N, C-alpha and C. Protein backbone atom coordinates (compact mmCIF):
# COMPACT_ATOMS: atom_id res chain seq x y z
N UNK A 1 4.39 -2.23 -17.41
CA UNK A 1 3.18 -2.72 -16.79
C UNK A 1 2.57 -1.60 -15.94
N UNK A 2 1.35 -1.23 -16.22
CA UNK A 2 0.65 -0.21 -15.44
C UNK A 2 0.04 -0.89 -14.22
N UNK A 3 0.54 -0.51 -13.05
CA UNK A 3 0.12 -1.16 -11.80
C UNK A 3 -1.38 -1.05 -11.55
N UNK A 4 -2.00 0.02 -12.06
CA UNK A 4 -3.45 0.19 -11.85
C UNK A 4 -4.28 -0.64 -12.84
N UNK A 5 -3.68 -1.03 -13.96
CA UNK A 5 -4.39 -1.80 -14.97
C UNK A 5 -3.99 -3.27 -15.00
N UNK A 6 -3.05 -3.65 -14.16
CA UNK A 6 -2.53 -5.02 -14.17
C UNK A 6 -3.61 -6.04 -13.85
N UNK A 7 -3.54 -7.17 -14.52
CA UNK A 7 -4.44 -8.28 -14.25
C UNK A 7 -3.72 -9.21 -13.26
N UNK A 8 -3.83 -8.89 -11.99
CA UNK A 8 -3.09 -9.61 -10.96
C UNK A 8 -3.41 -11.11 -10.92
N UNK A 9 -4.67 -11.52 -11.06
CA UNK A 9 -4.93 -12.97 -11.08
C UNK A 9 -4.19 -13.69 -12.21
N UNK A 10 -4.14 -13.09 -13.40
CA UNK A 10 -3.42 -13.73 -14.51
C UNK A 10 -1.93 -13.78 -14.24
N UNK A 11 -1.39 -12.70 -13.69
CA UNK A 11 0.04 -12.67 -13.38
C UNK A 11 0.36 -13.72 -12.32
N UNK A 12 -0.49 -13.82 -11.31
CA UNK A 12 -0.27 -14.82 -10.25
C UNK A 12 -0.31 -16.24 -10.84
N UNK A 13 -1.26 -16.49 -11.76
CA UNK A 13 -1.32 -17.80 -12.41
C UNK A 13 -0.04 -18.08 -13.18
N UNK A 14 0.45 -17.09 -13.93
CA UNK A 14 1.68 -17.25 -14.71
C UNK A 14 2.89 -17.52 -13.80
N UNK A 15 2.90 -16.89 -12.63
CA UNK A 15 4.03 -17.03 -11.70
C UNK A 15 3.89 -18.25 -10.78
N UNK A 16 2.75 -18.90 -10.82
CA UNK A 16 2.58 -20.12 -10.04
C UNK A 16 2.01 -19.94 -8.65
N UNK A 17 1.44 -18.78 -8.35
CA UNK A 17 0.83 -18.59 -7.03
C UNK A 17 0.72 -17.13 -6.67
N UNK A 18 0.22 -16.87 -5.47
CA UNK A 18 0.01 -15.48 -5.04
C UNK A 18 1.30 -14.66 -5.07
N UNK A 19 1.14 -13.40 -5.38
CA UNK A 19 2.26 -12.48 -5.52
C UNK A 19 2.60 -11.80 -4.20
N UNK A 20 3.87 -11.49 -4.03
CA UNK A 20 4.33 -10.63 -2.95
C UNK A 20 4.80 -9.35 -3.62
N UNK A 21 4.17 -8.25 -3.27
CA UNK A 21 4.43 -6.96 -3.90
C UNK A 21 5.37 -6.14 -3.02
N UNK A 22 6.39 -5.56 -3.63
CA UNK A 22 7.32 -4.68 -2.94
C UNK A 22 7.50 -3.45 -3.81
N UNK A 23 7.35 -2.26 -3.22
CA UNK A 23 7.53 -1.07 -4.04
C UNK A 23 7.48 0.23 -3.28
N UNK A 24 7.95 1.26 -3.94
CA UNK A 24 7.90 2.63 -3.47
C UNK A 24 6.76 3.29 -4.24
N UNK A 25 5.64 3.51 -3.60
CA UNK A 25 4.46 3.99 -4.30
C UNK A 25 4.54 5.48 -4.60
N UNK A 26 4.17 5.87 -5.82
CA UNK A 26 4.08 7.30 -6.13
C UNK A 26 3.02 7.94 -5.23
N UNK A 27 3.39 9.00 -4.55
CA UNK A 27 2.51 9.57 -3.53
C UNK A 27 1.16 10.02 -4.08
N UNK A 28 1.12 10.47 -5.32
CA UNK A 28 -0.13 11.00 -5.86
C UNK A 28 -1.14 9.93 -6.24
N UNK A 29 -0.74 8.65 -6.29
CA UNK A 29 -1.70 7.58 -6.60
C UNK A 29 -1.62 6.42 -5.60
N UNK A 30 -1.10 6.68 -4.42
CA UNK A 30 -0.95 5.62 -3.41
C UNK A 30 -2.27 4.92 -3.11
N UNK A 31 -3.32 5.68 -2.83
CA UNK A 31 -4.60 5.07 -2.47
C UNK A 31 -5.14 4.19 -3.59
N UNK A 32 -5.05 4.65 -4.83
CA UNK A 32 -5.56 3.87 -5.96
C UNK A 32 -4.79 2.55 -6.09
N UNK A 33 -3.48 2.61 -5.91
CA UNK A 33 -2.68 1.38 -6.01
C UNK A 33 -3.05 0.42 -4.88
N UNK A 34 -3.16 0.94 -3.67
CA UNK A 34 -3.51 0.08 -2.53
C UNK A 34 -4.88 -0.56 -2.72
N UNK A 35 -5.86 0.19 -3.23
CA UNK A 35 -7.18 -0.39 -3.48
C UNK A 35 -7.10 -1.46 -4.57
N UNK A 36 -6.28 -1.25 -5.60
CA UNK A 36 -6.11 -2.27 -6.64
C UNK A 36 -5.51 -3.54 -6.06
N UNK A 37 -4.52 -3.39 -5.18
CA UNK A 37 -3.91 -4.56 -4.54
C UNK A 37 -4.89 -5.26 -3.60
N UNK A 38 -5.71 -4.47 -2.89
CA UNK A 38 -6.72 -5.07 -2.01
C UNK A 38 -7.72 -5.87 -2.83
N UNK A 39 -8.16 -5.34 -3.96
CA UNK A 39 -9.07 -6.08 -4.83
C UNK A 39 -8.43 -7.39 -5.30
N UNK A 40 -7.16 -7.32 -5.67
CA UNK A 40 -6.47 -8.52 -6.14
C UNK A 40 -6.30 -9.55 -5.02
N UNK A 41 -6.20 -9.08 -3.79
CA UNK A 41 -6.03 -10.03 -2.68
C UNK A 41 -7.30 -10.85 -2.45
N UNK A 42 -8.45 -10.33 -2.85
CA UNK A 42 -9.71 -11.07 -2.69
C UNK A 42 -9.76 -12.31 -3.56
N UNK A 43 -8.97 -12.31 -4.64
CA UNK A 43 -8.91 -13.48 -5.52
C UNK A 43 -7.67 -14.32 -5.22
N UNK A 44 -7.00 -14.02 -4.10
CA UNK A 44 -5.76 -14.70 -3.70
C UNK A 44 -4.64 -14.51 -4.70
N UNK A 45 -4.70 -13.42 -5.48
CA UNK A 45 -3.63 -13.12 -6.43
C UNK A 45 -2.47 -12.42 -5.74
N UNK A 46 -2.76 -11.71 -4.64
CA UNK A 46 -1.72 -11.01 -3.90
C UNK A 46 -1.70 -11.54 -2.47
N UNK A 47 -0.54 -12.02 -2.05
CA UNK A 47 -0.36 -12.56 -0.70
C UNK A 47 0.00 -11.45 0.27
N UNK A 48 0.92 -10.56 -0.16
CA UNK A 48 1.38 -9.50 0.73
C UNK A 48 1.88 -8.32 -0.09
N UNK A 49 1.96 -7.17 0.58
CA UNK A 49 2.52 -5.98 -0.05
C UNK A 49 3.33 -5.24 1.00
N UNK A 50 4.56 -4.97 0.69
CA UNK A 50 5.43 -4.17 1.54
C UNK A 50 5.81 -2.95 0.71
N UNK A 51 5.32 -1.80 1.13
CA UNK A 51 5.47 -0.60 0.30
C UNK A 51 5.89 0.60 1.13
N UNK A 52 6.52 1.55 0.46
CA UNK A 52 6.76 2.85 1.07
C UNK A 52 5.69 3.79 0.55
N UNK A 53 5.29 4.69 1.42
CA UNK A 53 4.26 5.67 1.06
C UNK A 53 4.47 6.90 1.92
N UNK A 54 3.72 7.93 1.61
CA UNK A 54 3.79 9.15 2.41
C UNK A 54 3.41 8.84 3.85
N UNK A 55 4.17 9.38 4.80
CA UNK A 55 3.98 9.14 6.23
C UNK A 55 2.54 9.36 6.65
N UNK A 56 1.93 10.44 6.22
CA UNK A 56 0.56 10.76 6.64
C UNK A 56 -0.44 9.72 6.15
N UNK A 57 -0.23 9.17 4.97
CA UNK A 57 -1.12 8.13 4.46
C UNK A 57 -0.97 6.86 5.29
N UNK A 58 0.27 6.50 5.60
CA UNK A 58 0.51 5.33 6.45
C UNK A 58 -0.15 5.49 7.81
N UNK A 59 -0.07 6.68 8.39
CA UNK A 59 -0.71 6.92 9.69
C UNK A 59 -2.22 6.77 9.59
N UNK A 60 -2.82 7.19 8.48
CA UNK A 60 -4.27 7.03 8.32
C UNK A 60 -4.64 5.55 8.20
N UNK A 61 -3.82 4.78 7.53
CA UNK A 61 -4.12 3.35 7.35
C UNK A 61 -4.10 2.60 8.69
N UNK A 62 -3.17 2.93 9.56
CA UNK A 62 -3.06 2.21 10.84
C UNK A 62 -3.76 2.92 12.00
N UNK A 63 -4.46 4.01 11.73
CA UNK A 63 -5.09 4.81 12.80
C UNK A 63 -6.13 4.00 13.57
N UNK A 64 -6.14 4.17 14.90
CA UNK A 64 -7.18 3.52 15.71
C UNK A 64 -8.50 4.27 15.58
N UNK A 65 -9.58 3.60 15.94
CA UNK A 65 -10.89 4.27 15.93
C UNK A 65 -10.88 5.46 16.89
N UNK A 66 -11.79 6.37 16.67
CA UNK A 66 -11.93 7.57 17.50
C UNK A 66 -10.68 8.44 17.49
N UNK A 67 -10.01 8.46 16.37
CA UNK A 67 -8.80 9.26 16.19
C UNK A 67 -9.03 10.11 14.94
N UNK A 68 -8.46 11.30 14.89
CA UNK A 68 -8.73 12.19 13.74
C UNK A 68 -8.21 11.61 12.42
N UNK A 69 -7.21 10.73 12.45
CA UNK A 69 -6.70 10.12 11.22
C UNK A 69 -7.54 8.94 10.74
N UNK A 70 -8.46 8.45 11.59
CA UNK A 70 -9.27 7.29 11.24
C UNK A 70 -10.26 7.66 10.15
N UNK A 71 -10.32 6.83 9.10
CA UNK A 71 -11.22 7.10 7.99
C UNK A 71 -11.35 5.88 7.10
N UNK A 72 -11.74 6.10 5.85
CA UNK A 72 -12.01 4.99 4.92
C UNK A 72 -10.77 4.12 4.70
N UNK A 73 -9.59 4.73 4.62
CA UNK A 73 -8.37 3.92 4.46
C UNK A 73 -8.16 3.02 5.66
N UNK A 74 -8.40 3.54 6.85
CA UNK A 74 -8.25 2.75 8.08
C UNK A 74 -9.22 1.57 8.07
N UNK A 75 -10.47 1.84 7.78
CA UNK A 75 -11.52 0.82 7.80
C UNK A 75 -11.21 -0.30 6.81
N UNK A 76 -10.99 0.08 5.57
CA UNK A 76 -10.80 -0.93 4.51
C UNK A 76 -9.55 -1.77 4.75
N UNK A 77 -8.43 -1.13 5.00
CA UNK A 77 -7.19 -1.89 5.07
C UNK A 77 -7.03 -2.64 6.38
N UNK A 78 -7.57 -2.13 7.47
CA UNK A 78 -7.52 -2.89 8.72
C UNK A 78 -8.47 -4.07 8.69
N UNK A 79 -9.52 -3.97 7.89
CA UNK A 79 -10.46 -5.09 7.75
C UNK A 79 -9.84 -6.25 6.98
N UNK A 80 -9.07 -5.93 5.94
CA UNK A 80 -8.57 -6.97 5.04
C UNK A 80 -7.08 -7.27 5.15
N UNK A 81 -6.35 -6.51 5.96
CA UNK A 81 -4.90 -6.72 6.01
C UNK A 81 -4.37 -6.48 7.42
N UNK A 82 -3.19 -6.99 7.66
CA UNK A 82 -2.47 -6.73 8.90
C UNK A 82 -1.52 -5.58 8.61
N UNK A 83 -1.96 -4.36 8.88
CA UNK A 83 -1.23 -3.15 8.50
C UNK A 83 -0.28 -2.71 9.60
N UNK A 84 0.94 -2.37 9.19
CA UNK A 84 1.95 -1.91 10.15
C UNK A 84 2.80 -0.82 9.52
N UNK A 85 3.22 0.13 10.34
CA UNK A 85 4.28 1.05 9.94
C UNK A 85 5.53 0.56 10.66
N UNK A 86 6.55 0.24 9.90
CA UNK A 86 7.77 -0.28 10.50
C UNK A 86 8.73 0.83 10.95
N UNK A 87 8.78 1.92 10.18
CA UNK A 87 9.64 3.05 10.56
C UNK A 87 9.37 4.25 9.67
N UNK A 88 9.80 5.40 10.13
CA UNK A 88 9.69 6.64 9.37
C UNK A 88 10.96 6.81 8.54
N UNK A 89 10.79 7.22 7.28
CA UNK A 89 11.92 7.42 6.38
C UNK A 89 12.02 8.92 6.07
N UNK A 90 13.15 9.53 6.36
CA UNK A 90 13.29 10.97 6.11
C UNK A 90 13.44 11.27 4.62
N UNK A 91 13.09 12.47 4.20
CA UNK A 91 13.21 12.84 2.79
C UNK A 91 14.65 12.78 2.27
N UNK A 92 15.62 12.89 3.15
CA UNK A 92 17.02 12.94 2.73
C UNK A 92 17.53 11.65 2.10
N UNK A 93 16.80 10.55 2.23
CA UNK A 93 17.27 9.29 1.64
C UNK A 93 16.77 9.09 0.21
N UNK A 94 15.99 10.02 -0.30
CA UNK A 94 15.45 9.94 -1.67
C UNK A 94 16.09 11.01 -2.56
N UNK A 95 16.16 10.71 -3.84
CA UNK A 95 16.55 11.73 -4.81
C UNK A 95 15.63 11.62 -6.00
N UNK A 96 14.96 12.70 -6.37
CA UNK A 96 14.95 13.98 -5.66
C UNK A 96 14.21 13.86 -4.33
N UNK A 97 14.53 14.73 -3.42
CA UNK A 97 13.94 14.69 -2.07
C UNK A 97 12.49 15.15 -2.11
N UNK A 98 11.56 14.33 -1.57
CA UNK A 98 10.19 14.82 -1.42
C UNK A 98 10.14 15.84 -0.28
N UNK A 99 9.04 16.52 -0.18
CA UNK A 99 8.88 17.52 0.90
C UNK A 99 8.20 16.91 2.12
N UNK A 100 8.06 15.58 2.13
CA UNK A 100 7.36 14.91 3.24
C UNK A 100 8.16 13.69 3.69
N UNK A 101 7.85 13.21 4.89
CA UNK A 101 8.42 11.96 5.37
C UNK A 101 7.68 10.79 4.73
N UNK A 102 8.31 9.64 4.74
CA UNK A 102 7.72 8.42 4.19
C UNK A 102 7.66 7.36 5.27
N UNK A 103 6.91 6.30 4.99
CA UNK A 103 6.80 5.18 5.92
C UNK A 103 6.87 3.88 5.13
């Protein structure tokens, strides 16, 4: 199943209700996946998403206004979701090890 091409409303109907998404997002397409999930949430196909992503992307999503990390990711996801970073994950817990921290 290609996460970017998935028909979330149909999958939610097949499963009997809104989906809860859990995953480790590939860093090179994190934003595209998050926007796809946000679109699906507008149709009540996605209830929640708990994901790991690159630390810097997570910081941009939860950034407060008037901060250098504040941008389109902050605006969109703070408008439509309750965004939180729960903890920083070091590269040493992944194999192969990325060159960045995760959240």
